[in-house]
Amino acid sequence: LLEWLDQSINIPEEAAKIINAQLLGEIPRISKEENPLSYVNDQPFSPITDAYRSFRNNLEFMDLGKSIKTILVTSPGVSEGKTTVSMNLALSLAKSNKRVILIDADFYQSTIKQKFSLQKETGLSDLLQSSRDSISQHLVSLFNGQIYLLPAGKTPANPSELLSSVATEKIFETLKNAADVVIIDGPPFITSDAISLSTKVDAVLIVISPGRSRRDILRTAYAQLNRAKAKVVGFVMNGSNQRSSYYSYYHKPKSLPSVPKIGKQT
């Protein structure tokens, strides 16, 4: 009865059964003391960075950068790590010599702007409301030009209508020609904006947080994605304890056994 009442997703098999998609990566939990948005750049030899490399490789096997050039990263609910996954995936792709543009399309809670203390107040919302602005004047270089960010800009009065407009398609098409991969950090499925964006991209990636993401919300979101005929490329488990344990064991330095002396020393 307790298991039936508990709607949280704890293992990948639960999510795979609901959305009929494959697991593309398991990212270990990042400690609160570190900046999660720059982990791949700051900790190149860590097990978490290696997990992102594996995640990146799985996406590349699915033709990322060719038939899939725009990918929406979203989650069933809030605080499930979609922005962390978006930023570190973008960095991992950039380190494999890909030109990456990251779009902050979450008009409600832009953690990217807060974490990087962006001075630029304009971004995607301004482009959607003005045909005179060029995209390049709103782009921000991050990590010494490894990736370029299109900030969200100020929150508009009608975000869902703007994101479902033809202007959004034109912006995405322009950026596809300027980059190898365009990653859109979108809002969670509790808003209608995520569904609007899902119809404008080549693929949708869902971020699941073990113990936090809910089965009922994910089931409803997947039904909406099906009605919108969006392509769900797969999902990633963000904050996995199981993967963290065996990754840490592998990466932990081990002392070599002593070698017995054989014969006389010369």
Protein backbone atom coordinates (compact mmCIF):
# COMPACT_ATOMS: atom_id res chain seq x y z
CA LEU A 1 0.00 0.00 0.00
CA LEU A 2 2.83 2.40 0.85
CA GLU A 3 4.56 1.65 -2.46
CA TRP A 4 1.31 2.27 -4.32
CA LEU A 5 0.77 5.60 -2.55
CA ASP A 6 4.37 6.72 -3.16
CA GLN A 7 4.39 8.39 -6.61
CA SER A 8 8.14 9.11 -6.67
CA ILE A 9 10.40 7.53 -9.29
CA ASN A 10 13.38 5.76 -7.76
CA ILE A 11 14.85 3.49 -10.46
CA PRO A 12 15.27 3.89 -14.25
CA GLU A 13 12.94 0.99 -15.01
CA GLU A 14 9.99 2.94 -13.56
CA ALA A 15 10.57 5.88 -15.90
CA ALA A 16 11.28 3.68 -18.92
CA LYS A 17 7.98 1.87 -18.44
CA ILE A 18 6.00 5.13 -18.35
CA ILE A 19 7.53 6.98 -21.31
CA ASN A 20 8.62 3.97 -23.38
CA ALA A 21 12.09 5.46 -23.90
CA GLN A 22 15.62 4.36 -23.13
CA LEU A 23 17.97 5.47 -20.38
CA LEU A 24 20.80 7.55 -21.87
CA GLY A 25 22.76 8.33 -18.73
CA GLU A 26 22.99 8.18 -14.95
CA ILE A 27 24.61 11.21 -13.34
CA PRO A 28 25.88 10.85 -9.75
CA ARG A 29 24.79 13.39 -7.16
CA ILE A 30 26.89 16.57 -7.00
CA SER A 31 27.75 17.92 -3.56
CA LYS A 32 26.14 21.19 -2.48
CA GLU A 33 29.54 22.82 -1.97
CA GLU A 34 30.37 22.75 -5.70
CA ASN A 35 28.92 24.71 -8.61
CA PRO A 36 26.86 22.13 -10.52
CA LEU A 37 26.60 24.27 -13.66
CA SER A 38 30.34 24.19 -14.37
CA TYR A 39 31.23 20.75 -13.08
CA VAL A 40 32.40 19.26 -16.39
CA ASN A 41 34.68 22.25 -16.95
CA ASP A 42 36.07 22.42 -13.40
CA GLN A 43 36.44 18.69 -12.67
CA PRO A 44 37.59 17.01 -15.91
CA PHE A 45 38.78 13.78 -14.23
CA SER A 46 35.87 13.23 -11.87
CA PRO A 47 33.44 10.28 -12.12
CA ILE A 48 30.60 12.76 -12.68
CA THR A 49 32.35 14.25 -15.72
CA ASP A 50 32.96 10.73 -17.01
CA ALA A 51 29.25 10.00 -16.60
CA TYR A 52 28.47 13.05 -18.76
CA ARG A 53 30.91 11.77 -21.40
CA SER A 54 29.06 8.46 -21.49
CA PHE A 55 25.75 10.33 -21.69
CA ARG A 56 27.13 12.47 -24.53
CA ASN A 57 28.33 9.39 -26.43
CA ASN A 58 24.92 7.75 -26.17
CA LEU A 59 23.32 10.84 -27.67
CA GLU A 60 25.88 10.95 -30.48
CA PHE A 61 25.07 7.34 -31.34
CA MET A 62 21.51 8.57 -31.94
CA ASP A 63 22.72 10.97 -34.67
CA LEU A 64 23.04 14.05 -32.46
CA GLY A 65 24.43 16.91 -34.52
CA LYS A 66 23.03 15.53 -37.79
CA SER A 67 19.37 14.58 -37.87
CA ILE A 68 19.05 15.85 -34.28
CA LYS A 69 20.43 19.39 -33.96
CA THR A 70 17.97 21.02 -31.55
CA ILE A 71 17.19 19.21 -28.31
CA LEU A 72 14.86 20.37 -25.55
CA VAL A 73 15.94 19.46 -22.02
CA THR A 74 13.04 19.45 -19.56
CA SER A 75 11.73 17.63 -16.49
CA PRO A 76 8.40 16.56 -14.97
CA GLY A 77 8.64 19.05 -12.08
CA VAL A 78 10.83 21.73 -10.54
CA SER A 79 14.28 21.35 -8.95
CA GLU A 80 15.07 18.10 -10.77
CA GLY A 81 18.34 19.27 -12.34
CA LYS A 82 17.42 20.04 -15.95
CA THR A 83 19.57 23.21 -16.02
CA THR A 84 22.53 21.36 -14.51
CA VAL A 85 22.18 18.64 -17.15
CA SER A 86 21.75 21.21 -19.96
CA MET A 87 24.88 23.17 -19.06
CA ASN A 88 27.16 20.20 -18.41
CA LEU A 89 25.95 18.38 -21.52
CA ALA A 90 26.70 21.52 -23.54
CA LEU A 91 30.20 21.69 -22.04
CA SER A 92 30.82 18.00 -22.68
CA LEU A 93 29.78 18.40 -26.33
CA ALA A 94 31.97 21.50 -26.69
CA LYS A 95 34.98 19.58 -25.38
CA SER A 96 34.43 17.05 -28.17
CA ASN A 97 35.01 19.88 -30.69
CA LYS A 98 31.38 20.73 -31.36
CA ARG A 99 30.00 24.23 -31.73
CA VAL A 100 27.28 24.47 -29.08
CA ILE A 101 24.67 27.14 -28.40
CA LEU A 102 22.66 26.91 -25.18
CA ILE A 103 19.28 28.66 -24.99
CA ASP A 104 17.76 29.56 -21.65
CA ALA A 105 14.04 29.22 -22.40
CA ASP A 106 12.84 29.05 -18.80
CA PHE A 107 11.25 32.48 -18.35
CA TYR A 108 10.09 31.73 -14.80
CA GLN A 109 13.20 30.46 -12.99
CA SER A 110 16.46 31.27 -14.76
CA THR A 111 19.20 29.81 -12.55
CA ILE A 112 21.79 30.37 -15.30
CA LYS A 113 21.50 34.13 -14.96
CA GLN A 114 21.90 33.92 -11.18
CA LYS A 115 24.84 31.49 -11.17
CA PHE A 116 26.88 33.40 -13.75
CA SER A 117 25.82 36.91 -12.70
CA LEU A 118 24.98 37.89 -16.26
CA GLN A 119 24.99 41.61 -16.91
CA LYS A 120 22.99 41.30 -20.11
CA GLU A 121 19.29 41.77 -19.40
CA THR A 122 18.09 40.92 -22.91
CA GLY A 123 17.73 37.58 -24.63
CA LEU A 124 15.20 35.17 -26.14
CA SER A 125 12.12 37.10 -25.02
CA ASP A 126 13.40 40.25 -26.74
CA LEU A 127 14.07 38.39 -29.99
CA LEU A 128 10.56 36.95 -29.95
CA GLN A 129 9.02 40.38 -29.52
CA SER A 130 11.22 42.36 -31.93
CA SER A 131 12.00 41.57 -35.56
CA ARG A 132 14.74 44.21 -35.70
CA ASP A 133 17.14 42.62 -33.20
CA SER A 134 19.89 40.28 -34.42
CA ILE A 135 20.56 37.06 -32.54
CA SER A 136 24.30 37.75 -32.26
CA GLN A 137 23.78 40.88 -30.16
CA HIS A 138 22.09 38.82 -27.45
CA LEU A 139 24.58 35.90 -27.31
CA VAL A 140 26.91 35.60 -24.31
CA SER A 141 30.25 33.76 -24.37
CA LEU A 142 30.75 31.32 -21.49
CA PHE A 143 33.87 29.40 -20.40
CA ASN A 144 36.19 31.37 -22.72
CA GLY A 145 34.06 30.81 -25.78
CA GLN A 146 33.56 27.07 -25.35
CA ILE A 147 29.79 27.58 -25.57
CA TYR A 148 27.50 30.50 -26.35
CA LEU A 149 24.40 31.27 -24.33
CA LEU A 150 21.21 32.97 -25.46
CA PRO A 151 19.76 34.20 -22.12
CA ALA A 152 16.05 34.11 -21.39
CA GLY A 153 15.70 37.88 -21.09
CA LYS A 154 12.89 39.50 -19.18
CA THR A 155 9.78 37.42 -18.49
CA PRO A 156 7.12 38.33 -21.09
CA ALA A 157 3.42 38.63 -20.33
CA ASN A 158 2.53 35.80 -22.72
CA PRO A 159 5.43 33.29 -22.74
CA SER A 160 3.49 30.28 -24.03
CA GLU A 161 2.10 32.21 -27.00
CA LEU A 162 5.55 33.53 -27.90
CA LEU A 163 7.21 30.11 -27.69
CA SER A 164 4.55 28.54 -29.91
CA SER A 165 4.93 31.27 -32.55
CA VAL A 166 6.62 31.12 -35.95
CA ALA A 167 9.31 33.47 -34.61
CA THR A 168 10.59 30.68 -32.34
CA GLU A 169 10.98 28.35 -35.31
CA LYS A 170 12.92 30.99 -37.23
CA ILE A 171 15.30 31.61 -34.31
CA PHE A 172 15.94 27.89 -33.86
CA GLU A 173 16.56 27.42 -37.59
CA THR A 174 19.04 30.30 -37.64
CA LEU A 175 20.94 28.89 -34.66
CA LYS A 176 20.99 25.40 -36.21
CA ASN A 177 22.94 26.85 -39.12
CA ALA A 178 25.39 28.56 -36.76
CA ALA A 179 26.10 25.59 -34.46
CA ASP A 180 26.50 21.83 -34.50
CA VAL A 181 24.08 21.36 -31.59
CA VAL A 182 21.52 23.71 -30.01
CA ILE A 183 20.42 22.79 -26.48
CA ILE A 184 17.30 24.42 -25.09
CA ASP A 185 17.00 24.52 -21.31
CA GLY A 186 13.21 24.63 -21.13
CA PRO A 187 10.71 24.96 -18.30
CA PRO A 188 9.32 21.88 -16.54
CA PHE A 189 6.13 20.17 -17.69
CA ILE A 190 4.06 21.85 -14.99
CA THR A 191 3.87 24.79 -17.43
CA SER A 192 2.39 24.75 -20.93
CA ASP A 193 5.60 26.29 -22.29
CA ALA A 194 7.39 22.94 -22.35
CA ILE A 195 4.78 21.41 -24.66
CA SER A 196 4.93 24.46 -26.94
CA LEU A 197 8.71 24.13 -27.21
CA SER A 198 8.56 20.37 -27.81
CA THR A 199 6.91 20.97 -31.20
CA LYS A 200 9.75 23.28 -32.32
CA VAL A 201 12.74 20.96 -31.72
CA ASP A 202 14.17 17.79 -33.24
CA ALA A 203 14.09 15.85 -29.96
CA VAL A 204 13.11 16.04 -26.28
CA LEU A 205 15.29 14.83 -23.41
CA ILE A 206 13.62 14.27 -20.04
CA VAL A 207 15.57 14.68 -16.79
CA ILE A 208 14.43 12.42 -13.94
CA SER A 209 15.51 13.00 -10.34
CA PRO A 210 15.32 9.79 -8.22
CA GLY A 211 13.05 10.23 -5.23
CA ARG A 212 11.82 13.62 -6.47
CA SER A 213 10.24 13.10 -9.91
CA ARG A 214 6.65 11.85 -9.76
CA ARG A 215 5.14 9.06 -11.84
CA ASP A 216 1.75 10.75 -12.21
CA ILE A 217 3.24 14.01 -13.52
CA LEU A 218 5.56 12.14 -15.90
CA ARG A 219 2.65 10.06 -17.19
CA THR A 220 0.58 13.18 -17.88
CA ALA A 221 3.52 14.94 -19.56
CA TYR A 222 4.23 11.95 -21.80
CA ALA A 223 0.60 11.84 -22.90
CA GLN A 224 0.81 15.53 -23.83
CA LEU A 225 4.03 14.94 -25.77
CA ASN A 226 2.37 12.15 -27.71
CA ARG A 227 -0.55 14.39 -28.62
CA ALA A 228 1.90 17.06 -29.77
CA LYS A 229 3.77 14.38 -31.80
CA ALA A 230 7.05 15.35 -30.15
CA LYS A 231 10.04 13.01 -30.40
CA VAL A 232 11.28 11.83 -26.98
CA VAL A 233 14.88 10.75 -27.55
CA GLY A 234 15.29 9.31 -24.04
CA PHE A 235 15.82 10.23 -20.40
CA VAL A 236 18.64 10.73 -17.92
CA MET A 237 18.67 9.94 -14.19
CA ASN A 238 20.18 12.95 -12.40
CA GLY A 239 21.48 12.41 -8.86
CA SER A 240 21.76 8.63 -8.93
CA ASN A 241 23.19 7.11 -5.74
CA GLN A 242 23.88 3.70 -7.22
CA ARG A 243 26.05 4.98 -10.04
CA SER A 244 27.91 7.30 -7.67
CA SER A 245 28.95 4.40 -5.44
CA TYR A 246 30.52 2.18 -8.09
CA TYR A 247 32.04 5.12 -9.99
CA SER A 248 33.70 6.36 -6.80
CA TYR A 249 35.05 2.86 -6.17
CA TYR A 250 36.59 2.68 -9.64
CA HIS A 251 38.14 6.16 -9.51
CA LYS A 252 39.48 5.81 -5.95
CA PRO A 253 43.31 5.44 -5.98
CA LYS A 254 44.39 2.02 -4.74
CA SER A 255 47.75 1.09 -3.25
CA LEU A 256 49.71 -1.48 -5.24
CA PRO A 257 50.53 -4.79 -3.51
CA SER A 258 54.12 -5.30 -2.47
CA VAL A 259 56.16 -7.48 -4.84
CA PRO A 260 58.26 -10.18 -3.17
CA LYS A 261 61.98 -10.17 -3.95
CA ILE A 262 63.13 -12.95 -6.22
CA GLY A 263 66.76 -14.05 -6.29
CA LYS A 264 69.77 -12.04 -5.26
CA GLN A 265 70.01 -8.30 -5.71
CA THR A 266 72.83 -7.18 -7.99
